[in-house]
Amino acid sequence: GWDTGFDRFNDGDSSDGSNFLGGASLTITDNLTLTYITTVGDLGFRGEGYTQHIVLDAQVTDKLNYVLLSDLVEANAAGGANHQFSVANYLIYWYNDCFGMGGRAEWWKNGGESVYEFTLGVNIKPDANLIIRPEWRYQWSNDAVQLVGAADDEGIFAVDAILTF
């Protein structure tokens, strides 16, 4: 199951923790790829449900990459049904093999409430297997959504690292 390992979250009954994860990718041109990914079944603390992710990846130039991502989550947890939808746009420019800059703009809708977010960041690759990504993110909502740490809007600075092996 999703985020549950081999046991259902806080349940202990491993027979309830199953789901399906699958997808397909289509190379439309040398510079354009469309990918579809879905999950159906146990979504961990979200309950039973369905997710779909559609990704359009366009290599605009040798150094400039654009990604359009759409996410849909339909879940039925103990607290009731949940419907979430988001659309995100990514634009990434690689100056060289070790340094890139990027931005993301996203609209996320949870039930009837919307949250918007804009992020600027850099990608630093000191090694072929390590990417360090400092970023500044600004998010806001015109609805009654409680954002992480703020009522209406906030700016966040973060750093993450990706190590592949």
N, C-alpha and C. Protein backbone atom coordinates (compact mmCIF):
# COMPACT_ATOMS: atom_id res chain seq x y z
N GLY A 1 0.81 -1.20 0.00
CA GLY A 1 0.00 0.00 0.00
C GLY A 1 0.85 1.26 0.00
N TRP A 2 0.22 2.34 -0.28
CA TRP A 2 0.84 3.66 -0.37
C TRP A 2 1.30 4.10 1.01
N ASP A 3 2.57 4.43 1.17
CA ASP A 3 3.14 4.90 2.43
C ASP A 3 2.88 3.95 3.60
N THR A 4 2.68 2.67 3.32
CA THR A 4 2.35 1.75 4.40
C THR A 4 3.28 0.54 4.47
N GLY A 5 4.22 0.42 3.57
CA GLY A 5 5.07 -0.76 3.58
C GLY A 5 4.23 -1.99 3.31
N PHE A 6 4.37 -2.99 4.16
CA PHE A 6 3.59 -4.21 3.98
C PHE A 6 2.43 -4.30 4.96
N ASP A 7 2.26 -3.29 5.79
CA ASP A 7 1.12 -3.23 6.71
C ASP A 7 0.32 -1.98 6.43
N ARG A 8 -0.97 -2.08 6.66
CA ARG A 8 -1.83 -0.91 6.54
C ARG A 8 -1.50 0.02 7.70
N PHE A 9 -1.48 1.31 7.45
CA PHE A 9 -1.13 2.32 8.44
C PHE A 9 -1.95 2.15 9.72
N ASN A 10 -1.27 1.93 10.86
CA ASN A 10 -1.90 1.77 12.18
C ASN A 10 -2.93 0.65 12.24
N ASP A 11 -2.85 -0.32 11.35
CA ASP A 11 -3.86 -1.37 11.33
C ASP A 11 -3.24 -2.72 11.70
N GLY A 12 -2.06 -3.01 11.16
CA GLY A 12 -1.41 -4.28 11.44
C GLY A 12 -1.90 -5.41 10.57
N ASP A 13 -2.96 -5.22 9.79
CA ASP A 13 -3.48 -6.26 8.92
C ASP A 13 -2.93 -6.04 7.52
N SER A 14 -1.89 -6.80 7.15
CA SER A 14 -1.23 -6.59 5.86
C SER A 14 -2.12 -6.93 4.68
N SER A 15 -3.21 -7.65 4.87
CA SER A 15 -4.09 -7.98 3.75
C SER A 15 -4.87 -6.77 3.25
N ASP A 16 -4.94 -5.69 4.05
CA ASP A 16 -5.69 -4.50 3.64
C ASP A 16 -4.83 -3.46 2.95
N GLY A 17 -3.54 -3.68 2.80
CA GLY A 17 -2.63 -2.63 2.33
C GLY A 17 -2.23 -2.75 0.87
N SER A 18 -3.11 -3.17 -0.02
CA SER A 18 -2.73 -3.38 -1.41
C SER A 18 -3.16 -2.23 -2.30
N ASN A 19 -2.35 -1.98 -3.34
CA ASN A 19 -2.76 -1.06 -4.38
C ASN A 19 -2.04 -1.40 -5.67
N PHE A 20 -2.43 -0.72 -6.73
CA PHE A 20 -1.82 -0.89 -8.03
C PHE A 20 -1.15 0.41 -8.41
N LEU A 21 0.07 0.33 -8.92
CA LEU A 21 0.80 1.48 -9.42
C LEU A 21 1.27 1.14 -10.82
N GLY A 22 0.91 1.98 -11.78
CA GLY A 22 1.32 1.71 -13.16
C GLY A 22 1.31 2.98 -13.97
N GLY A 23 1.82 2.88 -15.17
CA GLY A 23 1.84 4.05 -16.03
C GLY A 23 2.40 3.71 -17.39
N ALA A 24 2.43 4.72 -18.23
CA ALA A 24 2.96 4.58 -19.58
C ALA A 24 3.55 5.91 -20.01
N SER A 25 4.51 5.83 -20.90
CA SER A 25 5.15 7.03 -21.42
C SER A 25 5.19 6.95 -22.94
N LEU A 26 4.95 8.08 -23.59
CA LEU A 26 4.94 8.15 -25.04
C LEU A 26 5.89 9.26 -25.48
N THR A 27 6.86 8.92 -26.30
CA THR A 27 7.75 9.92 -26.88
C THR A 27 7.08 10.44 -28.14
N ILE A 28 6.61 11.68 -28.09
CA ILE A 28 5.87 12.26 -29.22
C ILE A 28 6.85 12.74 -30.29
N THR A 29 7.88 13.44 -29.87
CA THR A 29 8.99 13.84 -30.76
C THR A 29 10.28 13.64 -29.99
N ASP A 30 11.40 13.95 -30.60
CA ASP A 30 12.68 13.84 -29.90
C ASP A 30 12.73 14.75 -28.68
N ASN A 31 11.94 15.82 -28.66
CA ASN A 31 11.98 16.81 -27.58
C ASN A 31 10.71 16.88 -26.75
N LEU A 32 9.76 15.96 -26.97
CA LEU A 32 8.46 16.04 -26.28
C LEU A 32 8.02 14.65 -25.83
N THR A 33 7.77 14.51 -24.51
CA THR A 33 7.35 13.23 -23.95
C THR A 33 6.10 13.43 -23.10
N LEU A 34 5.15 12.51 -23.19
CA LEU A 34 3.93 12.52 -22.40
C LEU A 34 3.92 11.26 -21.53
N THR A 35 3.71 11.44 -20.22
CA THR A 35 3.71 10.31 -19.28
C THR A 35 2.42 10.32 -18.46
N TYR A 36 1.85 9.13 -18.25
CA TYR A 36 0.66 8.96 -17.41
C TYR A 36 0.99 7.93 -16.33
N ILE A 37 0.69 8.27 -15.06
CA ILE A 37 0.94 7.37 -13.94
C ILE A 37 -0.33 7.32 -13.09
N THR A 38 -0.69 6.14 -12.61
CA THR A 38 -1.88 6.01 -11.78
C THR A 38 -1.61 5.10 -10.58
N THR A 39 -2.35 5.35 -9.52
CA THR A 39 -2.36 4.48 -8.34
C THR A 39 -3.82 4.25 -7.97
N VAL A 40 -4.17 3.00 -7.69
CA VAL A 40 -5.53 2.66 -7.30
C VAL A 40 -5.44 1.72 -6.10
N GLY A 41 -6.22 1.98 -5.05
CA GLY A 41 -6.25 1.08 -3.89
C GLY A 41 -6.02 1.81 -2.60
N ASP A 42 -5.23 1.20 -1.72
CA ASP A 42 -4.94 1.75 -0.40
C ASP A 42 -3.97 2.91 -0.53
N LEU A 43 -4.39 4.12 -0.16
CA LEU A 43 -3.54 5.30 -0.23
C LEU A 43 -3.07 5.71 1.17
N GLY A 44 -2.84 4.75 2.04
CA GLY A 44 -2.34 5.03 3.39
C GLY A 44 -3.37 5.78 4.21
N PHE A 45 -2.93 6.86 4.88
CA PHE A 45 -3.85 7.61 5.74
C PHE A 45 -4.95 8.31 4.96
N ARG A 46 -4.84 8.38 3.62
CA ARG A 46 -5.88 8.99 2.80
C ARG A 46 -7.06 8.05 2.59
N GLY A 47 -6.90 6.77 2.90
CA GLY A 47 -7.95 5.79 2.71
C GLY A 47 -7.85 5.15 1.34
N GLU A 48 -8.94 4.56 0.89
CA GLU A 48 -8.99 3.95 -0.43
C GLU A 48 -9.19 5.04 -1.47
N GLY A 49 -8.59 4.86 -2.67
CA GLY A 49 -8.77 5.90 -3.66
C GLY A 49 -8.03 5.66 -4.95
N TYR A 50 -7.86 6.77 -5.68
CA TYR A 50 -7.30 6.77 -7.01
C TYR A 50 -6.47 8.03 -7.19
N THR A 51 -5.32 7.92 -7.84
CA THR A 51 -4.54 9.09 -8.21
C THR A 51 -4.15 8.97 -9.68
N GLN A 52 -4.00 10.12 -10.31
CA GLN A 52 -3.45 10.12 -11.66
C GLN A 52 -2.52 11.32 -11.80
N HIS A 53 -1.45 11.12 -12.55
CA HIS A 53 -0.46 12.16 -12.78
C HIS A 53 -0.15 12.17 -14.27
N ILE A 54 -0.31 13.32 -14.89
CA ILE A 54 -0.02 13.47 -16.31
C ILE A 54 1.11 14.49 -16.43
N VAL A 55 2.18 14.10 -17.12
CA VAL A 55 3.37 14.93 -17.24
C VAL A 55 3.69 15.14 -18.72
N LEU A 56 3.80 16.40 -19.11
CA LEU A 56 4.25 16.75 -20.45
C LEU A 56 5.62 17.40 -20.29
N ASP A 57 6.65 16.78 -20.87
CA ASP A 57 8.03 17.24 -20.71
C ASP A 57 8.55 17.68 -22.07
N ALA A 58 8.91 18.98 -22.18
CA ALA A 58 9.38 19.53 -23.44
C ALA A 58 10.80 20.07 -23.28
N GLN A 59 11.71 19.55 -24.06
CA GLN A 59 13.08 20.06 -24.11
C GLN A 59 13.07 21.18 -25.16
N VAL A 60 12.95 22.44 -24.69
CA VAL A 60 12.79 23.58 -25.58
C VAL A 60 14.07 23.86 -26.36
N THR A 61 15.20 23.90 -25.65
CA THR A 61 16.52 24.02 -26.27
C THR A 61 17.44 23.03 -25.55
N ASP A 62 18.70 23.03 -25.91
CA ASP A 62 19.65 22.14 -25.23
C ASP A 62 19.76 22.44 -23.74
N LYS A 63 19.50 23.69 -23.36
CA LYS A 63 19.65 24.10 -21.96
C LYS A 63 18.34 24.40 -21.25
N LEU A 64 17.23 24.55 -21.98
CA LEU A 64 15.95 24.97 -21.41
C LEU A 64 14.93 23.85 -21.48
N ASN A 65 14.33 23.51 -20.32
CA ASN A 65 13.35 22.43 -20.21
C ASN A 65 12.06 22.96 -19.59
N TYR A 66 10.90 22.62 -20.17
CA TYR A 66 9.59 23.00 -19.65
C TYR A 66 8.82 21.73 -19.31
N VAL A 67 8.17 21.73 -18.13
CA VAL A 67 7.36 20.58 -17.71
C VAL A 67 6.01 21.09 -17.25
N LEU A 68 4.94 20.46 -17.75
CA LEU A 68 3.57 20.71 -17.31
C LEU A 68 3.10 19.46 -16.59
N LEU A 69 2.65 19.61 -15.36
CA LEU A 69 2.25 18.47 -14.52
C LEU A 69 0.84 18.69 -14.01
N SER A 70 0.02 17.66 -14.12
CA SER A 70 -1.34 17.69 -13.57
C SER A 70 -1.52 16.50 -12.64
N ASP A 71 -2.02 16.75 -11.43
CA ASP A 71 -2.27 15.69 -10.44
C ASP A 71 -3.74 15.67 -10.06
N LEU A 72 -4.29 14.49 -9.90
CA LEU A 72 -5.66 14.31 -9.42
C LEU A 72 -5.63 13.24 -8.33
N VAL A 73 -6.26 13.53 -7.19
CA VAL A 73 -6.38 12.56 -6.10
C VAL A 73 -7.85 12.47 -5.70
N GLU A 74 -8.38 11.28 -5.75
CA GLU A 74 -9.74 10.99 -5.27
C GLU A 74 -9.59 9.94 -4.17
N ALA A 75 -9.96 10.28 -2.95
CA ALA A 75 -9.77 9.34 -1.84
C ALA A 75 -11.01 9.35 -0.95
N ASN A 76 -11.20 8.24 -0.23
CA ASN A 76 -12.33 8.09 0.67
C ASN A 76 -11.81 7.58 2.00
N ALA A 77 -11.34 8.50 2.85
CA ALA A 77 -10.82 8.15 4.17
C ALA A 77 -11.95 8.14 5.18
N ALA A 78 -11.61 7.78 6.43
CA ALA A 78 -12.61 7.72 7.49
C ALA A 78 -13.31 9.05 7.70
N GLY A 79 -12.62 10.16 7.43
CA GLY A 79 -13.20 11.50 7.61
C GLY A 79 -14.10 11.93 6.46
N GLY A 80 -14.23 11.12 5.42
CA GLY A 80 -15.07 11.46 4.28
C GLY A 80 -14.28 11.51 2.99
N ALA A 81 -14.99 11.83 1.92
CA ALA A 81 -14.38 11.87 0.60
C ALA A 81 -13.47 13.08 0.47
N ASN A 82 -12.42 12.92 -0.34
CA ASN A 82 -11.47 13.99 -0.55
C ASN A 82 -11.15 14.07 -2.04
N HIS A 83 -11.21 15.28 -2.59
CA HIS A 83 -10.91 15.52 -4.00
C HIS A 83 -9.85 16.60 -4.08
N GLN A 84 -8.71 16.29 -4.69
CA GLN A 84 -7.63 17.27 -4.86
C GLN A 84 -7.20 17.29 -6.31
N PHE A 85 -6.84 18.48 -6.79
CA PHE A 85 -6.40 18.64 -8.16
C PHE A 85 -5.33 19.72 -8.20
N SER A 86 -4.29 19.52 -9.01
CA SER A 86 -3.28 20.57 -9.13
C SER A 86 -2.74 20.61 -10.55
N VAL A 87 -2.27 21.80 -10.91
CA VAL A 87 -1.57 22.01 -12.18
C VAL A 87 -0.30 22.79 -11.84
N ALA A 88 0.84 22.28 -12.28
CA ALA A 88 2.12 22.93 -12.01
C ALA A 88 2.89 23.11 -13.31
N ASN A 89 3.59 24.23 -13.40
CA ASN A 89 4.44 24.55 -14.54
C ASN A 89 5.87 24.70 -14.03
N TYR A 90 6.80 24.03 -14.68
CA TYR A 90 8.22 24.11 -14.33
C TYR A 90 8.99 24.63 -15.53
N LEU A 91 9.95 25.52 -15.29
CA LEU A 91 10.86 25.99 -16.32
C LEU A 91 12.26 25.91 -15.72
N ILE A 92 13.14 25.12 -16.35
CA ILE A 92 14.47 24.87 -15.81
C ILE A 92 15.51 25.19 -16.88
N TYR A 93 16.49 26.00 -16.51
CA TYR A 93 17.58 26.35 -17.41
C TYR A 93 18.88 25.83 -16.83
N TRP A 94 19.57 24.96 -17.58
CA TRP A 94 20.85 24.42 -17.16
C TRP A 94 21.95 25.25 -17.80
N TYR A 95 22.67 26.01 -16.99
CA TYR A 95 23.77 26.84 -17.46
C TYR A 95 24.91 25.96 -17.96
N ASN A 96 25.20 24.92 -17.20
CA ASN A 96 26.19 23.91 -17.60
C ASN A 96 25.80 22.60 -16.92
N ASP A 97 26.65 21.60 -16.96
CA ASP A 97 26.32 20.29 -16.37
C ASP A 97 26.22 20.33 -14.85
N CYS A 98 26.75 21.38 -14.23
CA CYS A 98 26.80 21.44 -12.76
C CYS A 98 25.86 22.47 -12.14
N PHE A 99 25.30 23.38 -12.93
CA PHE A 99 24.51 24.47 -12.35
C PHE A 99 23.29 24.78 -13.22
N GLY A 100 22.12 24.82 -12.57
CA GLY A 100 20.89 25.17 -13.26
C GLY A 100 20.02 26.05 -12.38
N MET A 101 19.09 26.76 -13.02
CA MET A 101 18.14 27.63 -12.32
C MET A 101 16.74 27.24 -12.77
N GLY A 102 15.77 27.42 -11.88
CA GLY A 102 14.43 27.05 -12.27
C GLY A 102 13.36 27.79 -11.52
N GLY A 103 12.14 27.67 -12.05
CA GLY A 103 10.98 28.25 -11.41
C GLY A 103 9.79 27.32 -11.56
N ARG A 104 8.86 27.43 -10.62
CA ARG A 104 7.64 26.63 -10.65
C ARG A 104 6.48 27.51 -10.22
N ALA A 105 5.36 27.38 -10.92
CA ALA A 105 4.11 28.03 -10.52
C ALA A 105 3.06 26.94 -10.45
N GLU A 106 2.29 26.92 -9.34
CA GLU A 106 1.34 25.83 -9.13
C GLU A 106 0.02 26.35 -8.57
N TRP A 107 -1.06 25.74 -9.03
CA TRP A 107 -2.39 25.94 -8.46
C TRP A 107 -2.84 24.59 -7.93
N TRP A 108 -3.24 24.57 -6.66
CA TRP A 108 -3.67 23.33 -6.00
C TRP A 108 -5.06 23.57 -5.42
N LYS A 109 -6.00 22.69 -5.72
CA LYS A 109 -7.36 22.81 -5.23
C LYS A 109 -7.68 21.57 -4.40
N ASN A 110 -8.07 21.80 -3.15
CA ASN A 110 -8.44 20.73 -2.24
C ASN A 110 -9.89 20.97 -1.85
N GLY A 111 -10.79 20.12 -2.35
CA GLY A 111 -12.21 20.38 -2.14
C GLY A 111 -12.57 21.67 -2.88
N GLY A 112 -13.10 22.64 -2.18
CA GLY A 112 -13.46 23.91 -2.80
C GLY A 112 -12.48 25.02 -2.55
N GLU A 113 -11.31 24.72 -1.97
CA GLU A 113 -10.36 25.76 -1.60
C GLU A 113 -9.09 25.67 -2.44
N SER A 114 -8.58 26.84 -2.87
CA SER A 114 -7.40 26.90 -3.73
C SER A 114 -6.19 27.47 -3.00
N VAL A 115 -5.02 26.94 -3.34
CA VAL A 115 -3.74 27.47 -2.87
C VAL A 115 -2.87 27.68 -4.10
N TYR A 116 -2.14 28.79 -4.12
CA TYR A 116 -1.25 29.12 -5.22
C TYR A 116 0.18 29.18 -4.68
N GLU A 117 1.13 28.88 -5.56
CA GLU A 117 2.52 28.84 -5.10
C GLU A 117 3.45 29.17 -6.25
N PHE A 118 4.52 29.90 -5.92
CA PHE A 118 5.55 30.23 -6.89
C PHE A 118 6.90 29.97 -6.23
N THR A 119 7.78 29.26 -6.93
CA THR A 119 9.08 28.88 -6.38
C THR A 119 10.20 29.26 -7.35
N LEU A 120 11.29 29.79 -6.81
CA LEU A 120 12.53 30.02 -7.55
C LEU A 120 13.65 29.25 -6.86
N GLY A 121 14.50 28.60 -7.65
CA GLY A 121 15.56 27.83 -7.03
C GLY A 121 16.71 27.56 -7.97
N VAL A 122 17.74 26.94 -7.43
CA VAL A 122 18.89 26.53 -8.23
C VAL A 122 19.16 25.05 -8.00
N ASN A 123 19.75 24.43 -9.00
CA ASN A 123 20.19 23.04 -8.91
C ASN A 123 21.70 23.04 -9.01
N ILE A 124 22.37 22.49 -8.01
CA ILE A 124 23.82 22.43 -7.99
C ILE A 124 24.22 20.95 -7.97
N LYS A 125 25.02 20.54 -8.96
CA LYS A 125 25.47 19.15 -9.06
C LYS A 125 26.97 19.09 -8.85
N PRO A 126 27.43 18.98 -7.59
CA PRO A 126 28.87 18.88 -7.35
C PRO A 126 29.43 17.53 -7.79
N ASP A 127 28.53 16.56 -8.00
CA ASP A 127 28.91 15.21 -8.39
C ASP A 127 27.79 14.67 -9.27
N ALA A 128 28.08 13.69 -10.12
CA ALA A 128 27.06 13.13 -11.00
C ALA A 128 25.90 12.50 -10.22
N ASN A 129 26.12 12.08 -8.97
CA ASN A 129 25.09 11.40 -8.17
C ASN A 129 24.46 12.29 -7.11
N LEU A 130 24.79 13.56 -7.07
CA LEU A 130 24.27 14.44 -6.02
C LEU A 130 23.77 15.76 -6.61
N ILE A 131 22.53 16.12 -6.26
CA ILE A 131 21.97 17.42 -6.62
C ILE A 131 21.55 18.10 -5.32
N ILE A 132 22.00 19.33 -5.14
CA ILE A 132 21.60 20.15 -3.99
C ILE A 132 20.71 21.26 -4.53
N ARG A 133 19.53 21.45 -3.90
CA ARG A 133 18.53 22.37 -4.45
C ARG A 133 18.02 23.36 -3.40
N PRO A 134 18.69 24.50 -3.23
CA PRO A 134 18.11 25.56 -2.39
C PRO A 134 16.98 26.25 -3.17
N GLU A 135 15.93 26.66 -2.45
CA GLU A 135 14.80 27.31 -3.11
C GLU A 135 14.10 28.29 -2.19
N TRP A 136 13.44 29.26 -2.80
CA TRP A 136 12.55 30.17 -2.08
C TRP A 136 11.17 29.99 -2.67
N ARG A 137 10.19 29.79 -1.80
CA ARG A 137 8.82 29.51 -2.21
C ARG A 137 7.89 30.52 -1.55
N TYR A 138 6.95 31.03 -2.34
CA TYR A 138 5.91 31.91 -1.81
C TYR A 138 4.57 31.27 -2.13
N GLN A 139 3.74 31.12 -1.11
CA GLN A 139 2.41 30.52 -1.32
C GLN A 139 1.35 31.38 -0.67
N TRP A 140 0.17 31.37 -1.29
CA TRP A 140 -0.92 32.19 -0.78
C TRP A 140 -2.25 31.54 -1.13
N SER A 141 -3.28 31.98 -0.42
CA SER A 141 -4.62 31.49 -0.65
C SER A 141 -5.61 32.61 -0.41
N ASN A 142 -6.61 32.71 -1.26
CA ASN A 142 -7.70 33.66 -1.07
C ASN A 142 -8.87 33.02 -0.33
N ASP A 143 -8.77 31.70 -0.12
CA ASP A 143 -9.82 30.96 0.58
C ASP A 143 -9.46 30.85 2.06
N ALA A 144 -10.22 30.08 2.78
CA ALA A 144 -10.01 29.93 4.22
C ALA A 144 -9.02 28.82 4.55
N VAL A 145 -8.15 28.48 3.60
CA VAL A 145 -7.17 27.41 3.80
C VAL A 145 -6.13 27.85 4.81
N GLN A 146 -5.81 26.98 5.75
CA GLN A 146 -4.74 27.24 6.71
C GLN A 146 -3.44 26.73 6.09
N LEU A 147 -2.57 27.65 5.69
CA LEU A 147 -1.28 27.26 5.13
C LEU A 147 -0.34 26.87 6.26
N VAL A 148 0.73 26.20 5.92
CA VAL A 148 1.71 25.79 6.91
C VAL A 148 2.29 27.03 7.57
N GLY A 149 1.95 27.30 8.80
CA GLY A 149 2.53 28.39 9.55
C GLY A 149 1.94 29.76 9.30
N ALA A 150 0.96 29.91 8.41
CA ALA A 150 0.41 31.24 8.13
C ALA A 150 -1.06 31.13 7.75
N ALA A 151 -1.81 32.19 7.98
CA ALA A 151 -3.24 32.17 7.69
C ALA A 151 -3.53 32.44 6.22
N ASP A 152 -2.85 33.40 5.60
CA ASP A 152 -3.16 33.79 4.24
C ASP A 152 -2.03 33.55 3.24
N ASP A 153 -0.80 33.90 3.63
CA ASP A 153 0.33 33.74 2.72
C ASP A 153 1.63 33.63 3.51
N GLU A 154 2.66 33.12 2.84
CA GLU A 154 3.95 33.01 3.50
C GLU A 154 5.05 32.73 2.48
N GLY A 155 6.27 33.10 2.85
CA GLY A 155 7.46 32.76 2.10
C GLY A 155 8.25 31.73 2.87
N ILE A 156 8.84 30.79 2.16
CA ILE A 156 9.58 29.70 2.78
C ILE A 156 10.91 29.53 2.06
N PHE A 157 12.01 29.38 2.80
CA PHE A 157 13.30 29.03 2.22
C PHE A 157 13.60 27.59 2.62
N ALA A 158 14.04 26.79 1.66
CA ALA A 158 14.33 25.38 1.95
C ALA A 158 15.52 24.92 1.11
N VAL A 159 16.15 23.85 1.56
CA VAL A 159 17.21 23.20 0.81
C VAL A 159 16.98 21.71 0.90
N ASP A 160 17.05 21.04 -0.25
CA ASP A 160 17.00 19.58 -0.22
C ASP A 160 18.13 19.03 -1.08
N ALA A 161 18.38 17.76 -0.95
CA ALA A 161 19.43 17.10 -1.70
C ALA A 161 18.92 15.76 -2.20
N ILE A 162 19.35 15.41 -3.40
CA ILE A 162 18.97 14.13 -4.00
C ILE A 162 20.26 13.36 -4.27
N LEU A 163 20.36 12.19 -3.67
CA LEU A 163 21.52 11.33 -3.84
C LEU A 163 21.06 10.07 -4.58
N THR A 164 21.60 9.84 -5.75
CA THR A 164 21.25 8.63 -6.51
C THR A 164 22.40 7.64 -6.44
N PHE A 165 22.04 6.37 -6.50
CA PHE A 165 23.07 5.33 -6.47
C PHE A 165 22.60 4.14 -7.27
